[in-house]
Amino acid sequence: MNGPKTTKTDSPSGLNGAAITRLVQNNEVDAFLGLGDFQYDIAQCEDYVDYWARLWGGTMPKLYWVSAPSHDWRPGRNEDLDNFMNGECPGSEAKAAINQERGFIENGQPYSKEFGNWHFAFLSSAQWRYDKTKAMETTKWLDDDLAAAKAAGKHLAVVYHDPYFTSNTEEHERAAELKPWIDVMWKHRVRLTLSGSQHNYERSCPVNNEDECVDDGMTAFQVSTGGIGLRSFATLPSYIEKRFSDTHGFLRMTLREDGSFDWNFVPTSGSGTDSGTRSAP
């Protein structure tokens, strides 16, 4: 979201943070989902307080977050995101919405949250990089969590940082190690996934765990247009329906009780747009 030492309000990050803050302050959104990375480059307490909070701090009352590798969380280098989100960094006592509800949440700890008739699971893909044992434990947690929500009649969504359904860039390919999570999502017919990391915007067809467009698949959004420099695409997977890499902004969504949803990408620096509706199952 925020570049090294970035505090300028007219920067892409500043324009994005201000636009989303207005929605939060005017109570026009129920939640702001922070997909990471929050603060470049090696983010510690003072960086979140001195830089990120100046441009994005107004989103905290509605913020639900996941920690990403390696800018949000890399063991032994920068491990302060969970402290910051719980108001424990010197100079900032504000807590993210999920921390106000649940208390301290450790980097990498999965959690779930219901918004109306939708059930969201929040996962830290950094586990696959730093602790594969915990990543596999999270796979079991996800299976149980989604099964219970589905049995309760909820529509399912999953949030994680490193994208699986994505075009390559020169810097990143798909996070293939996440396949066990993707298999679980497909098993329970997750309808919506949100991820970031690539420094551009993409939307897939409803896709299954074998990269096939199917009616009951997952619509995968990859939204990493918060304020860092954007990256060009190097490949074009068949399941990608819309993408651009020249625009900063954010994705605004309306989720309905029947499982249908609308999406609208709101540009804040640039002209790329994407909007549409997926009908109820």
Protein backbone atom coordinates (compact mmCIF):
# COMPACT_ATOMS: atom_id res chain seq x y z
CA MET A 1 0.00 0.00 0.00
CA ASN A 2 2.61 2.52 1.07
CA GLY A 3 6.10 3.15 -0.29
CA PRO A 4 9.22 3.69 1.82
CA LYS A 5 8.87 6.87 3.90
CA THR A 6 5.82 7.93 1.86
CA THR A 7 3.70 10.64 3.48
CA LYS A 8 2.69 12.83 0.52
CA THR A 9 -1.07 13.21 0.26
CA ASP A 10 -0.89 13.64 -3.52
CA SER A 11 1.02 10.37 -4.03
CA PRO A 12 -0.87 7.32 -5.39
CA SER A 13 -0.86 5.93 -1.87
CA GLY A 14 -2.10 9.20 -0.40
CA LEU A 15 -4.95 9.50 -2.91
CA ASN A 16 -5.99 5.89 -2.31
CA GLY A 17 -5.81 6.16 1.46
CA ALA A 18 -7.83 9.38 1.46
CA ALA A 19 -10.55 7.95 -0.80
CA ILE A 20 -11.03 4.83 1.32
CA THR A 21 -10.82 6.83 4.56
CA ARG A 22 -13.72 9.00 3.36
CA LEU A 23 -15.83 5.89 2.77
CA VAL A 24 -14.98 4.60 6.25
CA GLN A 25 -15.64 7.93 7.99
CA ASN A 26 -18.96 8.40 6.16
CA ASN A 27 -19.98 4.84 7.05
CA GLU A 28 -20.39 4.00 3.36
CA VAL A 29 -18.61 0.64 3.68
CA ASP A 30 -19.02 -2.17 6.18
CA ALA A 31 -15.43 -3.37 5.90
CA PHE A 32 -12.07 -2.53 4.36
CA LEU A 33 -10.04 -5.66 3.57
CA GLY A 34 -6.28 -5.04 3.72
CA LEU A 35 -4.55 -7.66 1.57
CA GLY A 36 -0.95 -6.50 2.27
CA ASP A 37 1.76 -5.38 1.85
CA PHE A 38 1.00 -2.48 4.17
CA GLN A 39 4.33 -0.63 4.36
CA TYR A 40 7.53 -0.92 2.30
CA ASP A 41 10.30 -1.84 2.63
CA ILE A 42 11.21 -3.35 5.98
CA ALA A 43 8.25 -2.30 8.07
CA GLN A 44 8.67 -2.02 11.83
CA CYS A 45 6.60 -0.21 14.45
CA GLU A 46 8.02 3.22 13.70
CA ASP A 47 7.40 2.79 9.97
CA TYR A 48 3.72 1.97 10.42
CA VAL A 49 3.31 4.90 12.82
CA ASP A 50 5.38 7.48 10.91
CA TYR A 51 4.28 6.63 7.37
CA TRP A 52 1.40 4.17 6.86
CA ALA A 53 -0.78 5.62 9.61
CA ARG A 54 -0.49 9.16 8.20
CA LEU A 55 -2.12 8.17 4.91
CA TRP A 56 -4.12 5.07 5.78
CA GLY A 57 -4.77 5.33 9.53
CA GLY A 58 -8.33 6.52 8.97
CA THR A 59 -9.25 3.07 7.60
CA MET A 60 -8.51 1.29 10.90
CA PRO A 61 -12.10 1.34 12.26
CA LYS A 62 -13.20 -0.94 9.38
CA LEU A 63 -9.94 -2.80 8.67
CA TYR A 64 -9.65 -6.59 8.41
CA TRP A 65 -6.10 -7.61 7.52
CA VAL A 66 -3.75 -10.42 6.59
CA SER A 67 0.04 -10.31 6.94
CA ALA A 68 2.10 -10.81 3.81
CA PRO A 69 5.67 -11.91 3.15
CA SER A 70 8.10 -10.30 3.35
CA HIS A 71 7.30 -6.64 3.84
CA ASP A 72 4.62 -7.14 6.49
CA TRP A 73 6.20 -10.10 8.20
CA ARG A 74 9.49 -11.95 7.92
CA PRO A 75 10.68 -13.72 11.08
CA GLY A 76 13.83 -12.19 12.46
CA ARG A 77 13.57 -9.06 10.31
CA ASN A 78 10.17 -7.38 10.66
CA GLU A 79 7.48 -8.80 12.90
CA ASP A 80 5.58 -5.73 14.12
CA LEU A 81 2.43 -5.73 11.98
CA ASP A 82 0.43 -7.72 14.52
CA ASN A 83 1.52 -5.37 17.30
CA PHE A 84 0.61 -2.30 15.24
CA MET A 85 -2.84 -3.65 14.37
CA ASN A 86 -3.49 -4.21 18.07
CA GLY A 87 -2.48 -0.65 19.03
CA GLU A 88 0.78 -1.73 20.69
CA CYS A 89 3.31 0.34 18.73
CA PRO A 90 4.55 3.51 20.51
CA GLY A 91 2.71 6.52 19.11
CA SER A 92 -0.35 4.63 17.85
CA GLU A 93 -3.08 3.18 20.07
CA ALA A 94 -5.65 2.68 17.27
CA LYS A 95 -6.75 -0.90 16.67
CA ALA A 96 -7.93 -2.48 13.45
CA ALA A 97 -11.59 -3.52 13.40
CA ILE A 98 -10.81 -7.24 13.76
CA ASN A 99 -8.52 -6.51 16.73
CA GLN A 100 -11.24 -4.47 18.39
CA GLU A 101 -13.44 -7.55 18.06
CA ARG A 102 -10.94 -10.35 18.81
CA GLY A 103 -7.95 -8.84 20.60
CA PHE A 104 -4.39 -9.68 19.58
CA ILE A 105 -4.01 -11.66 16.33
CA GLU A 106 -0.56 -13.07 15.64
CA ASN A 107 1.06 -12.71 12.22
CA GLY A 108 0.09 -15.84 10.30
CA GLN A 109 -2.89 -16.72 12.50
CA PRO A 110 -5.97 -17.56 10.40
CA TYR A 111 -9.38 -16.23 11.36
CA SER A 112 -12.84 -15.98 9.89
CA LYS A 113 -15.53 -13.34 9.96
CA GLU A 114 -19.13 -13.19 8.79
CA PHE A 115 -20.57 -10.24 6.93
CA GLY A 116 -24.29 -10.82 6.60
CA ASN A 117 -24.81 -14.16 4.88
CA TRP A 118 -21.19 -14.28 3.70
CA HIS A 119 -18.41 -16.10 5.52
CA PHE A 120 -14.83 -14.87 4.96
CA ALA A 121 -11.70 -16.82 5.87
CA PHE A 122 -8.52 -14.73 6.23
CA LEU A 123 -5.23 -16.55 5.61
CA SER A 124 -1.60 -15.48 5.70
CA SER A 125 0.13 -16.99 2.66
CA ALA A 126 3.43 -16.12 4.37
CA GLN A 127 3.05 -19.41 6.26
CA TRP A 128 4.06 -21.31 3.12
CA ARG A 129 7.33 -19.40 3.07
CA TYR A 130 8.20 -19.46 6.76
CA ASP A 131 6.50 -22.47 8.37
CA LYS A 132 5.04 -25.14 6.08
CA THR A 133 3.93 -27.20 9.07
CA LYS A 134 1.68 -24.36 10.17
CA ALA A 135 0.57 -23.87 6.56
CA MET A 136 -0.65 -27.45 6.46
CA GLU A 137 -2.31 -27.02 9.85
CA THR A 138 -4.08 -24.01 8.37
CA THR A 139 -5.23 -26.22 5.48
CA LYS A 140 -7.05 -28.43 8.00
CA TRP A 141 -8.38 -25.35 9.79
CA LEU A 142 -9.68 -23.98 6.49
CA ASP A 143 -11.37 -27.26 5.61
CA ASP A 144 -13.17 -27.36 8.97
CA ASP A 145 -14.00 -23.65 8.93
CA LEU A 146 -15.51 -23.66 5.44
CA ALA A 147 -17.38 -26.91 6.06
CA ALA A 148 -19.07 -25.46 9.14
CA ALA A 149 -19.95 -22.22 7.35
CA LYS A 150 -21.32 -24.06 4.33
CA ALA A 151 -23.42 -26.30 6.59
CA ALA A 152 -24.84 -23.12 8.13
CA GLY A 153 -25.92 -21.92 4.68
CA LYS A 154 -23.28 -19.22 4.26
CA HIS A 155 -21.72 -18.09 0.99
CA LEU A 156 -17.95 -18.50 1.11
CA ALA A 157 -15.02 -16.17 0.41
CA VAL A 158 -11.30 -16.39 1.16
CA VAL A 159 -8.72 -13.60 1.54
CA TYR A 160 -4.96 -14.24 1.19
CA HIS A 161 -1.98 -12.21 -0.05
CA ASP A 162 0.02 -14.19 -2.61
CA PRO A 163 -2.23 -14.95 -5.60
CA TYR A 164 -2.74 -18.38 -7.12
CA PHE A 165 -4.92 -17.29 -10.04
CA THR A 166 -2.70 -14.67 -11.65
CA SER A 167 -0.60 -13.63 -14.62
CA ASN A 168 3.16 -13.75 -14.16
CA THR A 169 5.23 -10.60 -13.90
CA GLU A 170 9.01 -10.39 -14.15
CA GLU A 171 9.10 -10.38 -10.33
CA HIS A 172 6.47 -13.00 -9.39
CA GLU A 173 4.78 -16.13 -10.69
CA ARG A 174 1.67 -17.71 -9.21
CA ALA A 175 2.01 -18.96 -5.63
CA ALA A 176 1.87 -22.63 -6.64
CA GLU A 177 2.55 -23.78 -3.08
CA LEU A 178 -0.96 -22.65 -2.13
CA LYS A 179 -2.54 -25.49 -4.14
CA PRO A 180 -3.69 -27.39 -0.99
CA TRP A 181 -5.66 -24.31 0.06
CA ILE A 182 -7.10 -23.95 -3.45
CA ASP A 183 -8.20 -27.60 -3.42
CA VAL A 184 -10.05 -27.01 -0.15
CA MET A 185 -11.68 -23.85 -1.52
CA TRP A 186 -12.89 -25.76 -4.57
CA LYS A 187 -14.11 -28.66 -2.42
CA HIS A 188 -16.45 -26.30 -0.58
CA ARG A 189 -17.27 -24.21 -3.66
CA VAL A 190 -15.89 -20.88 -2.47
CA ARG A 191 -17.43 -18.18 -4.66
CA LEU A 192 -14.97 -15.34 -4.19
CA THR A 193 -11.25 -14.93 -3.44
CA LEU A 194 -9.23 -11.75 -2.90
CA SER A 195 -5.45 -11.47 -3.06
CA GLY A 196 -2.71 -8.96 -3.89
CA SER A 197 1.09 -8.92 -4.33
CA GLN A 198 1.48 -8.47 -8.12
CA HIS A 199 1.28 -4.64 -8.32
CA ASN A 200 -1.58 -4.62 -10.84
CA TYR A 201 -5.24 -5.68 -11.16
CA GLU A 202 -6.77 -8.94 -12.39
CA ARG A 203 -10.11 -10.73 -12.35
CA SER A 204 -10.65 -14.35 -13.31
CA CYS A 205 -13.60 -16.23 -14.71
CA PRO A 206 -15.30 -18.48 -12.14
CA VAL A 207 -12.44 -20.98 -11.99
CA ASN A 208 -11.90 -24.41 -10.43
CA ASN A 209 -8.76 -25.93 -8.91
CA GLU A 210 -7.58 -27.11 -12.34
CA ASP A 211 -7.59 -23.62 -13.93
CA GLU A 212 -10.82 -24.32 -15.82
CA CYS A 213 -13.66 -21.82 -16.21
CA VAL A 214 -16.76 -23.43 -14.69
CA ASP A 215 -20.15 -22.12 -13.61
CA ASP A 216 -19.63 -22.90 -9.91
CA GLY A 217 -16.00 -21.80 -9.72
CA MET A 218 -14.25 -19.09 -7.72
CA THR A 219 -14.14 -15.54 -9.02
CA ALA A 220 -10.57 -14.57 -8.14
CA PHE A 221 -9.71 -10.89 -7.77
CA GLN A 222 -6.07 -9.85 -7.51
CA VAL A 223 -5.97 -6.23 -6.33
CA SER A 224 -2.51 -4.80 -5.60
CA THR A 225 -2.95 -1.21 -6.73
CA GLY A 226 -2.67 0.57 -3.40
CA GLY A 227 0.25 2.90 -4.07
CA ILE A 228 3.47 1.05 -4.92
CA GLY A 229 4.92 1.13 -8.46
CA LEU A 230 2.92 -0.96 -10.92
CA ARG A 231 4.21 -3.99 -12.88
CA SER A 232 3.57 -5.19 -16.41
CA PHE A 233 2.24 -8.66 -17.20
CA ALA A 234 4.48 -11.35 -18.67
CA THR A 235 1.88 -14.07 -19.38
CA LEU A 236 -1.86 -14.33 -20.00
CA PRO A 237 -3.54 -17.35 -18.40
CA SER A 238 -6.76 -18.48 -20.06
CA TYR A 239 -8.80 -17.94 -16.89
CA ILE A 240 -8.04 -14.18 -16.66
CA GLU A 241 -10.97 -12.12 -17.94
CA LYS A 242 -9.86 -8.58 -17.09
CA ARG A 243 -6.57 -6.98 -16.11
CA PHE A 244 -4.60 -3.74 -16.23
CA SER A 245 -1.29 -2.50 -14.86
CA ASP A 246 -1.47 1.26 -15.33
CA THR A 247 -3.88 2.36 -12.59
CA HIS A 248 -3.88 2.74 -8.81
CA GLY A 249 -7.16 2.41 -6.98
CA PHE A 250 -9.31 0.02 -4.98
CA LEU A 251 -12.04 -2.55 -5.51
CA ARG A 252 -15.47 -1.81 -4.10
CA MET A 253 -17.86 -4.73 -3.70
CA THR A 254 -21.49 -5.26 -2.77
CA LEU A 255 -22.29 -8.73 -1.43
CA ARG A 256 -25.92 -9.87 -1.32
CA GLU A 257 -27.68 -12.37 0.92
CA ASP A 258 -28.43 -14.68 -2.03
CA GLY A 259 -24.75 -15.09 -2.95
CA SER A 260 -24.74 -12.65 -5.83
CA PHE A 261 -22.26 -9.77 -5.81
CA ASP A 262 -21.27 -6.64 -7.70
CA TRP A 263 -17.78 -5.28 -8.17
CA ASN A 264 -16.45 -1.91 -9.26
CA PHE A 265 -12.79 -0.94 -9.46
CA VAL A 266 -12.44 2.71 -8.44
CA PRO A 267 -9.37 4.39 -10.00
CA THR A 268 -7.58 7.06 -7.99
CA SER A 269 -4.50 7.48 -10.25
CA GLY A 270 -5.07 6.31 -13.82
CA SER A 271 -8.01 5.27 -15.96
CA GLY A 272 -8.34 1.48 -15.65
CA THR A 273 -11.82 0.29 -14.63
CA ASP A 274 -13.69 -2.96 -14.18
CA SER A 275 -17.25 -3.56 -13.03
CA GLY A 276 -19.84 -6.29 -13.19
CA THR A 277 -22.18 -8.66 -11.39
CA ARG A 278 -22.09 -12.33 -10.62
CA SER A 279 -25.57 -13.77 -10.18
CA ALA A 280 -26.75 -15.96 -7.33
CA PRO A 281 -25.84 -19.68 -7.44
